């Protein structure tokens, strides 16, 4: 009987040992599988094999150029995939500010940084600090386009809406094809954004121009003179009589400017009511896009006098604001 009890005790101890070993093996296996899955999950949730297409400026080619850079998955949290859109955005911000490869340069302005952002229905709403408003026009176009192309290259974001102060800039993968064809020499000069009437007569066309003989603080006037002188770019027309003379008065306290046009602007204008509306907005957008001051609205005077209407456009004596919505999508 004692012999049987000793055998039973031995077997009990062996079973306990085997059970403990089995439990340890199971725990180790689970930990290993968990570690492998964690890396695999991040591979799945991080698009393009932990790489993203990041856009920089190629000064030799005069255009934006993409470079594949790794996404730092160590910064990614082990979370569900719908939260990784924020991780993707963080990685895009970091990669755009890293030193790029040969012949490329970052287009991220040094003093500019995002202060808040949210993602809603695959749209990124991104708020920048006030320094964004001081970016020269062409450099702003390069930065905005590069940022949009980089972020929308992933599977999380379809559209980017940038905001700085009270101004919105809207870009999406459907409307941005590439940045303007700009040479490094052109970037070194005073560059302006001009707005012309689209040939279709239903929108404005944005064009980029270089001015070498203007004072930095008189960019509104220089841009308006260039707009009047023309010529309009391909696919656009100008209804401003070339004989028109222009002056600009600035009221910084009310954030307004007064554009004083000579009588030829009215007497020799030969467009329709709709073309008159677009011409007015083209002048407004041009003036506000190129102002180095914090200007929000434009008032018109013809020969130093206010007019209540202009070729069918009522309330011509009111203040006009910048309008991005009427710019042709293929020229934003």
Foldseek 3Di string as FASTA:
>chain_A
DVVVVVVVVVVVVVVVVVVVVVVVVVVVVVVVVVVVVLVVVLCVLCPPRQWFWFWWAQQVQQWIDTDIDGQPCVPPDSDDSLVCLVSLLVSNVVVLPDQDDPSTGRLDDPVKDWDDWDADPQEIETEIEQVLLQDALLSNQQNVLRSQCRSCRDDRHFWYWYDYDHDIDTDGPVQRDIRPRGHPVQVVFRKFWAWFAFPVLQFIFIDMDGDHPDDLQCQLQVQVLDNLCDDDDPRGHHQAHNVKDWDWDDDLVVLEIEIEIEQCRQPVRDDAPSNVVNNVLRSQQRNVSRHSGNHFWYAYHYNNHHDQAGRPRGNNRDTHGHDPPRYPSNRD
